[in-house]
C-alpha atoms as a PDB file:
ATOM      1  CA  MET A   1       0.234  -0.403   0.224  1.00  0.00           C
ATOM      2  CA  ALA A   2       1.108   3.660  -0.582  1.00  0.00           C
ATOM      3  CA  GLU A   3       1.959   5.505   2.547  1.00  0.00           C
ATOM      4  CA  LYS A   4      -0.501   8.551   3.285  1.00  0.00           C
ATOM      5  CA  LYS A   5       1.971  12.063   2.881  1.00  0.00           C
ATOM      6  CA  PRO A   6       0.989  13.832   5.992  1.00  0.00           C
ATOM      7  CA  ILE A   7      -0.976  17.364   5.674  1.00  0.00           C
ATOM      8  CA  GLN A   8       1.434  19.759   5.624  1.00  0.00           C
ATOM      9  CA  ARG A   9       1.220  22.718   8.023  1.00  0.00           C
ATOM     10  CA  ASP A  10       1.418  25.094   4.695  1.00  0.00           C
ATOM     11  CA  GLU A  11      -1.831  23.450   3.353  1.00  0.00           C
ATOM     12  CA  ILE A  12      -3.605  23.703   6.617  1.00  0.00           C
ATOM     13  CA  ILE A  13      -2.881  27.603   6.742  1.00  0.00           C
ATOM     14  CA  GLY A  14      -4.042  27.995   3.040  1.00  0.00           C
ATOM     15  CA  ALA A  15      -7.339  26.395   3.945  1.00  0.00           C
ATOM     16  CA  LEU A  16      -7.868  28.206   6.533  1.00  0.00           C
ATOM     17  CA  THR A  17      -6.523  31.494   5.348  1.00  0.00           C
ATOM     18  CA  LEU A  18     -10.091  30.266   2.152  1.00  0.00           C
ATOM     19  CA  VAL A  19     -12.190  29.474   5.067  1.00  0.00           C
ATOM     20  CA  ILE A  20     -11.721  33.000   6.460  1.00  0.00           C
ATOM     21  CA  MET A  21     -11.629  35.060   3.278  1.00  0.00           C
ATOM     22  CA  PHE A  22     -14.725  33.348   2.495  1.00  0.00           C
ATOM     23  CA  ALA A  23     -16.519  34.357   5.714  1.00  0.00           C
ATOM     24  CA  ALA A  24     -15.302  37.708   5.521  1.00  0.00           C
ATOM     25  CA  VAL A  25     -17.017  38.430   2.223  1.00  0.00           C
ATOM     26  CA  LEU A  26     -20.163  36.459   3.559  1.00  0.00           C
ATOM     27  CA  ILE A  27     -19.741  38.872   6.943  1.00  0.00           C
ATOM     28  CA  GLY A  28     -19.039  41.921   5.245  1.00  0.00           C
ATOM     29  CA  ARG A  29     -21.552  41.480   2.377  1.00  0.00           C
ATOM     30  CA  GLU A  30     -24.285  40.927   5.201  1.00  0.00           C
ATOM     31  CA  ALA A  31     -23.250  44.110   7.251  1.00  0.00           C
ATOM     32  CA  GLY A  32     -23.146  45.824   4.173  1.00  0.00           C
ATOM     33  CA  ASN A  33     -26.488  44.841   3.653  1.00  0.00           C
ATOM     34  CA  PHE A  34     -27.611  45.487   7.151  1.00  0.00           C
ATOM     35  CA  PHE A  35     -26.088  49.294   7.230  1.00  0.00           C
ATOM     36  CA  ALA A  36     -27.728  50.058   3.847  1.00  0.00           C
ATOM     37  CA  SER A  37     -30.996  48.663   5.190  1.00  0.00           C
ATOM     38  CA  PHE A  38     -30.696  50.532   8.051  1.00  0.00           C
ATOM     39  CA  GLU A  39     -29.780  53.849   6.653  1.00  0.00           C
ATOM     40  CA  GLU A  40     -33.077  53.083   4.391  1.00  0.00           C
ATOM     41  CA  MET A  41     -35.020  52.640   7.644  1.00  0.00           C
ATOM     42  CA  LYS A  42     -33.469  56.301   8.869  1.00  0.00           C
ATOM     43  CA  ASN A  43     -34.382  58.152   5.469  1.00  0.00           C
ATOM     44  CA  LEU A  44     -38.173  56.637   5.490  1.00  0.00           C
ATOM     45  CA  LYS A  45     -40.780  59.213   3.879  1.00  0.00           C
ATOM     46  CA  VAL A  46     -43.403  60.206   5.505  1.00  0.00           C
ATOM     47  CA  PHE A  47     -46.208  62.217   3.734  1.00  0.00           C
ATOM     48  CA  PHE A  48     -49.241  63.578   5.783  1.00  0.00           C
ATOM     49  CA  GLU A  49     -51.877  63.220   3.361  1.00  0.00           C
ATOM     50  CA  VAL A  50     -54.667  66.002   3.985  1.00  0.00           C
ATOM     51  CA  THR A  51     -55.463  68.770   1.739  1.00  0.00           C
ATOM     52  CA  GLU A  52     -55.230  72.657   2.975  1.00  0.00           C
ATOM     53  CA  GLU A  53     -58.979  72.139   1.779  1.00  0.00           C
ATOM     54  CA  GLU A  54     -60.407  69.532   3.863  1.00  0.00           C
ATOM     55  CA  LEU A  55     -58.773  71.650   6.783  1.00  0.00           C
ATOM     56  CA  SER A  56     -60.495  74.868   5.820  1.00  0.00           C
ATOM     57  CA  ASP A  57     -63.570  72.720   5.650  1.00  0.00           C
ATOM     58  CA  TYR A  58     -63.069  71.119   9.064  1.00  0.00           C
ATOM     59  CA  LEU A  59     -62.170  74.288  11.161  1.00  0.00           C
ATOM     60  CA  ARG A  60     -65.470  76.306   8.870  1.00  0.00           C
ATOM     61  CA  GLU A  61     -67.631  73.213  10.315  1.00  0.00           C
ATOM     62  CA  VAL A  62     -66.223  74.027  13.886  1.00  0.00           C
ATOM     63  CA  LEU A  63     -66.846  77.583  13.441  1.00  0.00           C
ATOM     64  CA  GLU A  64     -70.800  76.832  12.577  1.00  0.00           C
ATOM     65  CA  GLY A  65     -70.750  74.828  15.715  1.00  0.00           C
ATOM     66  CA  GLU A  66     -70.614  71.628  14.741  1.00  0.00           C
ATOM     67  CA  SER A  67     -68.076  68.435  16.174  1.00  0.00           C
ATOM     68  CA  PRO A  68     -66.824  67.080  12.966  1.00  0.00           C
ATOM     69  CA  ASP A  69     -64.191  64.310  12.647  1.00  0.00           C
ATOM     70  CA  LEU A  70     -61.215  65.261  10.900  1.00  0.00           C
ATOM     71  CA  ASP A  71     -59.918  61.744   8.991  1.00  0.00           C
ATOM     72  CA  VAL A  72     -56.348  61.921   7.989  1.00  0.00           C
ATOM     73  CA  SER A  73     -53.631  59.576   6.409  1.00  0.00           C
ATOM     74  CA  LEU A  74     -50.103  59.254   7.132  1.00  0.00           C
ATOM     75  CA  THR A  75     -48.309  57.620   4.172  1.00  0.00           C
ATOM     76  CA  ILE A  76     -44.473  55.848   4.673  1.00  0.00           C
ATOM     77  CA  THR A  77     -42.577  55.282   1.784  1.00  0.00           C
ATOM     78  CA  LEU A  78     -38.726  54.606   0.873  1.00  0.00           C
ATOM     79  CA  PRO A  79     -36.474  57.482   0.376  1.00  0.00           C
ATOM     80  CA  SER A  80     -36.725  57.158  -2.960  1.00  0.00           C
ATOM     81  CA  VAL A  81     -40.279  57.285  -3.967  1.00  0.00           C
ATOM     82  CA  ASP A  82     -41.471  60.576  -3.939  1.00  0.00           C
ATOM     83  CA  ASN A  83     -44.843  60.137  -5.433  1.00  0.00           C
ATOM     84  CA  THR A  84     -47.217  57.558  -7.759  1.00  0.00           C
ATOM     85  CA  VAL A  85     -46.398  58.759 -10.830  1.00  0.00           C
ATOM     86  CA  LYS A  86     -42.639  58.116 -10.191  1.00  0.00           C
ATOM     87  CA  VAL A  87     -43.607  54.370  -8.983  1.00  0.00           C
ATOM     88  CA  VAL A  88     -44.782  54.401 -12.291  1.00  0.00           C
ATOM     89  CA  THR A  89     -42.430  55.283 -14.399  1.00  0.00           C
ATOM     90  CA  GLU A  90     -38.853  54.872 -12.302  1.00  0.00           C
ATOM     91  CA  MET A  91     -37.216  51.864 -10.189  1.00  0.00           C
ATOM     92  CA  PRO A  92     -35.940  53.596  -7.281  1.00  0.00           C
ATOM     93  CA  ASP A  93     -32.633  52.904  -5.934  1.00  0.00           C
ATOM     94  CA  TYR A  94     -33.398  50.782  -3.488  1.00  0.00           C
ATOM     95  CA  VAL A  95     -35.020  48.348  -6.316  1.00  0.00           C
ATOM     96  CA  ARG A  96     -31.612  48.571  -8.410  1.00  0.00           C
ATOM     97  CA  ARG A  97     -29.239  47.566  -5.058  1.00  0.00           C
ATOM     98  CA  TRP A  98     -32.045  44.562  -4.107  1.00  0.00           C
ATOM     99  CA  LEU A  99     -31.825  43.518  -8.018  1.00  0.00           C
ATOM    100  CA  ILE A 100     -27.885  43.775  -8.123  1.00  0.00           C
ATOM    101  CA  SER A 101     -27.702  41.626  -4.824  1.00  0.00           C
ATOM    102  CA  VAL A 102     -29.851  38.706  -6.121  1.00  0.00           C
ATOM    103  CA  THR A 103     -27.925  38.687  -9.340  1.00  0.00           C
ATOM    104  CA  LEU A 104     -24.491  38.505  -7.660  1.00  0.00           C
ATOM    105  CA  SER A 105     -24.811  37.022  -4.779  1.00  0.00           C
ATOM    106  CA  PRO A 106     -27.647  35.318  -2.544  1.00  0.00           C
ATOM    107  CA  VAL A 107     -27.934  37.881  -0.736  1.00  0.00           C
ATOM    108  CA  ILE A 108     -31.681  39.976  -0.298  1.00  0.00           C
ATOM    109  CA  VAL A 109     -32.120  43.248   1.315  1.00  0.00           C
ATOM    110  CA  ARG A 110     -34.209  43.186   3.637  1.00  0.00           C
ATOM    111  CA  GLN A 111     -37.586  45.647   3.909  1.00  0.00           C
ATOM    112  CA  PRO A 112     -37.907  47.913   7.493  1.00  0.00           C
ATOM    113  CA  SER A 113     -41.431  47.636   8.839  1.00  0.00           C
ATOM    114  CA  VAL A 114     -43.293  50.203  10.321  1.00  0.00           C
ATOM    115  CA  SER A 115     -46.296  49.733  13.352  1.00  0.00           C
ATOM    116  CA  ASP A 116     -47.797  52.372  15.470  1.00  0.00           C
ATOM    117  CA  VAL A 117     -47.367  56.012  14.926  1.00  0.00           C
ATOM    118  CA  GLU A 118     -47.573  58.570  17.932  1.00  0.00           C
ATOM    119  CA  MET A 119     -49.579  61.816  17.084  1.00  0.00           C
ATOM    120  CA  THR A 120     -49.472  65.351  17.847  1.00  0.00           C
ATOM    121  CA  PHE A 121     -52.464  68.062  16.809  1.00  0.00           C
ATOM    122  CA  THR A 122     -52.138  71.440  17.700  1.00  0.00           C
ATOM    123  CA  VAL A 123     -54.044  74.870  16.476  1.00  0.00           C
ATOM    124  CA  GLU A 124     -52.010  78.179  17.158  1.00  0.00           C
ATOM    125  CA  ASP A 125     -49.641  76.297  19.350  1.00  0.00           C
ATOM    126  CA  HIS A 126     -52.520  74.769  21.290  1.00  0.00           C
ATOM    127  CA  GLU A 127     -52.034  70.923  21.675  1.00  0.00           C
ATOM    128  CA  LEU A 128     -55.572  69.575  21.418  1.00  0.00           C
ATOM    129  CA  ILE A 129     -54.554  66.202  20.394  1.00  0.00           C
ATOM    130  CA  ASN A 130     -51.701  63.904  22.104  1.00  0.00           C
ATOM    131  CA  GLU A 131     -52.120  60.276  20.963  1.00  0.00           C
ATOM    132  CA  THR A 132     -50.345  56.913  20.559  1.00  0.00           C
ATOM    133  CA  TYR A 133     -51.993  54.658  17.860  1.00  0.00           C
ATOM    134  CA  ARG A 134     -51.429  51.527  17.956  1.00  0.00           C
ATOM    135  CA  PHE A 135     -51.096  49.000  14.147  1.00  0.00           C
ATOM    136  CA  GLU A 136     -49.492  45.551  13.055  1.00  0.00           C
ATOM    137  CA  LYS A 137     -46.034  45.401  11.480  1.00  0.00           C
ATOM    138  CA  ASP A 138     -46.114  46.173   7.726  1.00  0.00           C
ATOM    139  CA  LYS A 139     -43.146  45.909   5.427  1.00  0.00           C
ATOM    140  CA  VAL A 140     -42.821  49.044   3.590  1.00  0.00           C
ATOM    141  CA  PRO A 141     -42.423  47.498  -0.173  1.00  0.00           C
ATOM    142  CA  TYR A 142     -40.051  48.790  -2.865  1.00  0.00           C
ATOM    143  CA  LEU A 143     -42.730  49.910  -5.402  1.00  0.00           C
ATOM    144  CA  GLY A 144     -45.902  50.815  -2.980  1.00  0.00           C
ATOM    145  CA  LEU A 145     -47.030  52.781   0.191  1.00  0.00           C
ATOM    146  CA  VAL A 146     -47.972  51.803   4.047  1.00  0.00           C
ATOM    147  CA  ASP A 147     -51.396  53.956   4.546  1.00  0.00           C
ATOM    148  CA  ARG A 148     -52.146  54.860   7.879  1.00  0.00           C
ATOM    149  CA  GLY A 149     -55.841  56.024   8.021  1.00  0.00           C
ATOM    150  CA  ILE A 150     -56.423  57.980  11.859  1.00  0.00           C
ATOM    151  CA  GLY A 151     -59.493  59.643  12.970  1.00  0.00           C
ATOM    152  CA  LEU A 152     -58.522  62.260  15.566  1.00  0.00           C
ATOM    153  CA  GLU A 153     -61.186  63.685  17.284  1.00  0.00           C
ATOM    154  CA  ILE A 154     -61.118  66.632  19.894  1.00  0.00           C
ATOM    155  CA  GLU A 155     -62.989  66.514  23.060  1.00  0.00           C
ATOM    156  CA  ASP A 156     -62.980  70.262  23.791  1.00  0.00           C
ATOM    157  CA  VAL A 157     -64.573  71.158  20.419  1.00  0.00           C
ATOM    158  CA  LEU A 158     -65.665  75.076  21.957  1.00  0.00           C
ATOM    159  CA  GLY A 159     -62.307  75.921  23.364  1.00  0.00           C
ATOM    160  CA  LEU A 160     -60.825  75.104  19.485  1.00  0.00           C
ATOM    161  CA  ARG A 161     -63.781  77.391  18.097  1.00  0.00           C
ATOM    162  CA  GLU A 162     -62.525  79.984  20.726  1.00  0.00           C
ATOM    163  CA  ILE A 163     -58.897  79.446  18.759  1.00  0.00           C
ATOM    164  CA  VAL A 164     -59.790  79.472  15.687  1.00  0.00           C
ATOM    165  CA  GLU A 165     -62.150  82.481  15.868  1.00  0.00           C
ATOM    166  CA  GLU A 166     -59.445  84.532  17.500  1.00  0.00           C
ATOM    167  CA  ALA A 167     -56.854  83.258  14.661  1.00  0.00           C
ATOM    168  CA  ALA A 168     -58.736  84.404  11.618  1.00  0.00           C
ATOM    169  CA  SER A 169     -59.890  87.884  13.336  1.00  0.00           C
ATOM    170  CA  SER A 170     -56.195  88.225  13.810  1.00  0.00           C
ATOM    171  CA  TYR A 171     -54.438  86.745  10.701  1.00  0.00           C
ATOM    172  CA  GLY A 172     -56.907  87.794   7.868  1.00  0.00           C
ATOM    173  CA  GLY A 173     -58.685  83.873   7.907  1.00  0.00           C
ATOM    174  CA  GLU A 174     -55.940  82.266   8.429  1.00  0.00           C
ATOM    175  CA  VAL A 175     -55.271  79.584  11.235  1.00  0.00           C
ATOM    176  CA  LYS A 176     -51.798  77.788  11.843  1.00  0.00           C
ATOM    177  CA  VAL A 177     -52.791  73.710  12.096  1.00  0.00           C
ATOM    178  CA  GLN A 178     -49.277  71.912  13.095  1.00  0.00           C
ATOM    179  CA  VAL A 179     -49.376  67.932  12.804  1.00  0.00           C
ATOM    180  CA  LYS A 180     -45.820  66.152  14.497  1.00  0.00           C
ATOM    181  CA  GLY A 181     -45.126  62.624  15.653  1.00  0.00           C
ATOM    182  CA  ARG A 182     -43.292  59.994  15.016  1.00  0.00           C
ATOM    183  CA  VAL A 183     -43.300  56.639  13.328  1.00  0.00           C
ATOM    184  CA  LYS A 184     -42.264  53.135  14.826  1.00  0.00           C
ATOM    185  CA  THR A 185     -39.826  51.131  12.746  1.00  0.00           C
ATOM    186  CA  HIS A 186     -38.653  47.841  12.670  1.00  0.00           C
ATOM    187  CA  LEU A 187     -35.473  46.138  11.293  1.00  0.00           C
ATOM    188  CA  TRP A 188     -33.939  42.894  11.924  1.00  0.00           C
ATOM    189  CA  PHE A 189     -33.964  43.032  15.885  1.00  0.00           C
ATOM    190  CA  LEU A 190     -33.652  47.400  15.874  1.00  0.00           C
ATOM    191  CA  ASP A 191     -36.422  49.491  16.759  1.00  0.00           C
ATOM    192  CA  ALA A 192     -36.482  53.122  16.019  1.00  0.00           C
ATOM    193  CA  TRP A 193     -38.957  56.105  15.985  1.00  0.00           C
ATOM    194  CA  LEU A 194     -39.399  57.467  12.702  1.00  0.00           C
ATOM    195  CA  PRO A 195     -40.710  61.504  13.300  1.00  0.00           C
ATOM    196  CA  PHE A 196     -42.152  63.834  11.058  1.00  0.00           C
ATOM    197  CA  SER A 197     -44.007  67.268  11.085  1.00  0.00           C
ATOM    198  CA  THR A 198     -45.945  69.753   8.961  1.00  0.00           C
ATOM    199  CA  ILE A 199     -47.090  72.682   9.493  1.00  0.00           C
ATOM    200  CA  ARG A 200     -50.327  74.467   7.233  1.00  0.00           C
ATOM    201  CA  TYR A 201     -52.098  77.268   7.198  1.00  0.00           C
ATOM    202  CA  PRO A 202     -55.693  77.032   5.952  1.00  0.00           C
ATOM    203  CA  LEU A 203     -58.152  79.662   5.140  1.00  0.00           C
ATOM    204  CA  VAL A 204     -61.285  79.528   7.018  1.00  0.00           C
ATOM    205  CA  GLU A 205     -62.473  83.098   5.345  1.00  0.00           C
ATOM    206  CA  ALA A 206     -61.107  85.069   1.954  1.00  0.00           C
ATOM    207  CA  PRO A 207     -58.141  87.033   3.219  1.00  0.00           C
ATOM    208  CA  SER A 208     -57.900  90.966   2.376  1.00  0.00           C
ATOM    209  CA  LEU A 209     -56.167  93.692   3.095  1.00  0.00           C
ATOM    210  CA  VAL A 210     -56.194  95.890   5.986  1.00  0.00           C
ATOM    211  CA  TYR A 211     -56.350  99.747   5.711  1.00  0.00           C
ATOM    212  CA  GLU A 212     -54.088 101.635   7.673  1.00  0.00           C
ATOM    213  CA  SER A 213     -54.091 105.228   6.775  1.00  0.00           C
ATOM    214  CA  SER A 214     -53.910 107.601   3.867  1.00  0.00           C
ATOM    215  CA  LYS A 215     -53.615 111.469   3.104  1.00  0.00           C
ATOM    216  CA  TRP A 216     -53.957 113.888   0.250  1.00  0.00           C
ATOM    217  CA  GLN A 217     -49.742 114.306  -0.927  1.00  0.00           C
ATOM    218  CA  GLU A 218     -47.366 115.977  -2.541  1.00  0.00           C
ATOM    219  CA  PHE A 219     -45.546 114.111  -5.244  1.00  0.00           C
ATOM    220  CA  ASP A 220     -42.614 113.882  -2.721  1.00  0.00           C
ATOM    221  CA  GLY A 221     -45.291 112.025  -0.142  1.00  0.00           C
ATOM    222  CA  SER A 222     -45.499 115.179   2.086  1.00  0.00           C
ATOM    223  CA  GLU A 223     -48.990 115.353   3.090  1.00  0.00           C
ATOM    224  CA  ILE A 224     -51.366 118.886   1.896  1.00  0.00           C
ATOM    225  CA  THR A 225     -54.124 120.118   2.766  1.00  0.00           C
ATOM    226  CA  VAL A 226     -54.570 123.070   0.016  1.00  0.00           C
ATOM    227  CA  THR A 227     -53.565 123.138  -3.439  1.00  0.00           C
ATOM    228  CA  GLU A 228     -53.932 125.581  -6.597  1.00  0.00           C
ATOM    229  CA  MET A 229     -56.595 124.417  -9.581  1.00  0.00           C
ATOM    230  CA  GLY A 230     -54.966 122.340 -12.256  1.00  0.00           C
ATOM    231  CA  GLN A 231     -52.399 121.129  -9.919  1.00  0.00           C
ATOM    232  CA  SER A 232     -51.726 116.800  -9.873  1.00  0.00           C
ATOM    233  CA  VAL A 233     -51.676 115.157  -6.532  1.00  0.00           C
ATOM    234  CA  HIS A 234     -51.566 112.318  -5.236  1.00  0.00           C
ATOM    235  CA  ILE A 235     -53.873 110.162  -2.928  1.00  0.00           C
ATOM    236  CA  GLY A 236     -51.522 107.661  -1.099  1.00  0.00           C
ATOM    237  CA  ALA A 237     -53.316 104.991   0.949  1.00  0.00           C
ATOM    238  CA  ARG A 238     -51.513 102.717   3.126  1.00  0.00           C
ATOM    239  CA  PHE A 239     -52.571  98.914   3.504  1.00  0.00           C
ATOM    240  CA  SER A 240     -51.161  95.933   5.286  1.00  0.00           C
ATOM    241  CA  ASN A 241     -51.319  91.713   4.600  1.00  0.00           C
ATOM    242  CA  PRO A 242     -51.931  90.224   7.908  1.00  0.00           C
ATOM    243  CA  THR A 243     -51.712  86.483   6.569  1.00  0.00           C
ATOM    244  CA  ARG A 244     -48.274  84.804   7.584  1.00  0.00           C
ATOM    245  CA  VAL A 245     -48.566  82.511   3.973  1.00  0.00           C
ATOM    246  CA  HIS A 246     -50.605  84.144   2.005  1.00  0.00           C
ATOM    247  CA  SER A 247     -50.294  86.866  -0.641  1.00  0.00           C
ATOM    248  CA  ILE A 248     -53.314  89.147  -1.452  1.00  0.00           C
ATOM    249  CA  ARG A 249     -54.312  90.697  -4.684  1.00  0.00           C
ATOM    250  CA  GLU A 250     -57.573  93.307  -3.895  1.00  0.00           C
ATOM    251  CA  ASN A 251     -58.620  95.509  -6.907  1.00  0.00           C
ATOM    252  CA  VAL A 252     -59.139  98.747  -4.888  1.00  0.00           C
ATOM    253  CA  THR A 253     -61.386 101.841  -6.505  1.00  0.00           C
ATOM    254  CA  CYS A 254     -60.762 105.650  -5.190  1.00  0.00           C
ATOM    255  CA  SER A 255     -63.563 107.921  -6.029  1.00  0.00           C
ATOM    256  CA  VAL A 256     -62.875 111.808  -5.236  1.00  0.00           C
ATOM    257  CA  PHE A 257     -66.114 113.881  -4.637  1.00  0.00           C
ATOM    258  CA  MET A 258     -66.287 117.841  -4.210  1.00  0.00           C
ATOM    259  CA  ASP A 259     -68.717 119.492  -1.684  1.00  0.00           C
ATOM    260  CA  GLY A 260     -71.914 119.826  -2.955  1.00  0.00           C
ATOM    261  CA  VAL A 261     -71.448 117.430  -6.243  1.00  0.00           C
ATOM    262  CA  ASP A 262     -73.659 114.214  -5.947  1.00  0.00           C
ATOM    263  CA  GLU A 263     -71.292 112.385  -8.547  1.00  0.00           C
ATOM    264  CA  PRO A 264     -67.793 111.804  -8.532  1.00  0.00           C
ATOM    265  CA  VAL A 265     -65.338 114.117 -10.395  1.00  0.00           C
ATOM    266  CA  ALA A 266     -63.046 110.803 -10.666  1.00  0.00           C
ATOM    267  CA  VAL A 267     -62.706 107.255 -10.223  1.00  0.00           C
ATOM    268  CA  ILE A 268     -59.540 105.523 -10.074  1.00  0.00           C
ATOM    269  CA  GLU A 269     -58.883 101.245  -9.760  1.00  0.00           C
ATOM    270  CA  LYS A 270     -56.071  99.917  -8.959  1.00  0.00           C
ATOM    271  CA  GLU A 271     -55.078  96.100  -7.941  1.00  0.00           C
ATOM    272  CA  LEU A 272     -52.716  95.952  -5.026  1.00  0.00           C
ATOM    273  CA  PRO A 273     -50.760  92.836  -4.754  1.00  0.00           C
ATOM    274  CA  LEU A 274     -49.205  92.712  -1.146  1.00  0.00           C
ATOM    275  CA  ALA A 275     -47.079  89.588   0.362  1.00  0.00           C
ATOM    276  CA  SER A 276     -47.960  87.879   3.410  1.00  0.00           C
ATOM    277  CA  SER A 277     -47.135  89.454   6.520  1.00  0.00           C
ATOM    278  CA  SER A 278     -46.039  93.572   5.067  1.00  0.00           C
ATOM    279  CA  GLU A 279     -47.131  96.627   4.156  1.00  0.00           C
ATOM    280  CA  GLY A 280     -47.170  98.817   1.655  1.00  0.00           C
ATOM    281  CA  SER A 281     -48.393 102.035  -0.012  1.00  0.00           C
ATOM    282  CA  TYR A 282     -50.517 103.137  -3.087  1.00  0.00           C
ATOM    283  CA  VAL A 283     -50.713 106.547  -5.085  1.00  0.00           C
ATOM    284  CA  PHE A 284     -54.035 107.338  -6.655  1.00  0.00           C
ATOM    285  CA  MET A 285     -53.535 110.475  -9.266  1.00  0.00           C
ATOM    286  CA  PHE A 286     -55.941 113.302  -9.375  1.00  0.00           C
ATOM    287  CA  THR A 287     -55.855 116.546 -11.121  1.00  0.00           C
ATOM    288  CA  PRO A 288     -58.532 119.078 -10.090  1.00  0.00           C
ATOM    289  CA  GLU A 289     -60.556 121.458 -12.762  1.00  0.00           C
ATOM    290  CA  ASN A 290     -62.453 123.547  -9.527  1.00  0.00           C
ATOM    291  CA  GLU A 291     -62.371 125.518  -6.743  1.00  0.00           C
ATOM    292  CA  GLY A 292     -63.858 123.688  -3.984  1.00  0.00           C
ATOM    293  CA  ASP A 293     -62.961 121.456  -0.846  1.00  0.00           C
ATOM    294  CA  TYR A 294     -62.646 117.535  -2.027  1.00  0.00           C
ATOM    295  CA  ARG A 295     -62.680 114.116  -0.448  1.00  0.00           C
ATOM    296  CA  PHE A 296     -62.173 110.774  -1.646  1.00  0.00           C
ATOM    297  CA  TRP A 297     -63.669 107.203  -0.970  1.00  0.00           C
ATOM    298  CA  LEU A 298     -62.013 103.895  -1.030  1.00  0.00           C
ATOM    299  CA  GLU A 299     -63.883 100.735  -1.158  1.00  0.00           C
ATOM    300  CA  THR A 300     -63.321  97.064  -2.823  1.00  0.00           C
ATOM    301  CA  GLN A 301     -66.300  94.883  -4.519  1.00  0.00           C
ATOM    302  CA  SER A 302     -67.746  93.685  -1.527  1.00  0.00           C
ATOM    303  CA  ARG A 303     -67.076  96.429   1.280  1.00  0.00           C
ATOM    304  CA  ILE A 304     -65.823 100.044   2.127  1.00  0.00           C
ATOM    305  CA  ILE A 305     -62.633 100.954   3.047  1.00  0.00           C
ATOM    306  CA  LEU A 306     -63.100 104.862   3.813  1.00  0.00           C
ATOM    307  CA  SER A 307     -66.279 106.726   3.759  1.00  0.00           C
ATOM    308  CA  LEU A 308     -66.573 110.618   2.556  1.00  0.00           C
ATOM    309  CA  ALA A 309     -67.195 111.258   6.234  1.00  0.00           C
ATOM    310  CA  GLU A 310     -63.753 109.602   7.376  1.00  0.00           C
ATOM    311  CA  SER A 311     -61.708 111.505   4.556  1.00  0.00           C
ATOM    312  CA  PRO A 312     -59.088 114.384   4.708  1.00  0.00           C
ATOM    313  CA  ILE A 313     -60.341 117.330   2.737  1.00  0.00           C
ATOM    314  CA  LEU A 314     -58.273 119.135   0.432  1.00  0.00           C
ATOM    315  CA  SER A 315     -59.362 122.683  -0.630  1.00  0.00           C
ATOM    316  CA  VAL A 316     -58.340 123.346  -3.787  1.00  0.00           C
ATOM    317  CA  GLN A 317     -57.919 127.481  -4.908  1.00  0.00           C
END
């Protein structure tokens, strides 16, 4: 019989080296996959699915004395998914990585899961709801969304009505609504909370410019009370926009009257645009053709801004 050759030390070392290298590759691949999946979990997107119109309708019903419920939806999706259109037309990076890993190795990227939702609902910084809503674990799909439907029930409806009325009066019909909270996420043995927050400013009534002051003035802006016939003058009017995010464009009509004459001697109309939380001055040009005392009237299609009795008087000589 042929004598068996003893296994050499170098062969043992070589075999162990191969095993260690193979194990290191598998461990590294699993570790890389885990951290990639963890990054996906940390950056999951949360969409607050309720429109500003729905919030406005809800707050109007509260003002009308009703006690409605507000149904909202939280949509959780992968960071590379923005909306349903992109889901159809583009393949997210998450899926590309998954397909590549399936092609090159048997490692499968694990999908994160989501379950419970903690939510705080505030109106004008007054906390009205602070609840935890329990849900079963759901995996976040590669090409889909996870919806969390929640019905918000406010117990102190009278308090909410007072808050809305005060805000609408102060901010031109605009009300600040904030929803913030956390979604519980899961990956392997890890649990984490994914925070979310959104602020909306629905309108419970159409905003309008707030009248501040007006005067007869020269071209340089200095106030006058007397001028000469045929000399052009300006009517300067100052307005403010009380809203915090909404710009306003409003048509303002300036009608000039001379004492003793029933019909206006001039009618000037202007569209006044004004950004949120700002003030602006606008001028209406007028040239008196007769001697006498003149006043002006400011109005929009829906309201009188300044009556003749409140107008400053310009004496023309």
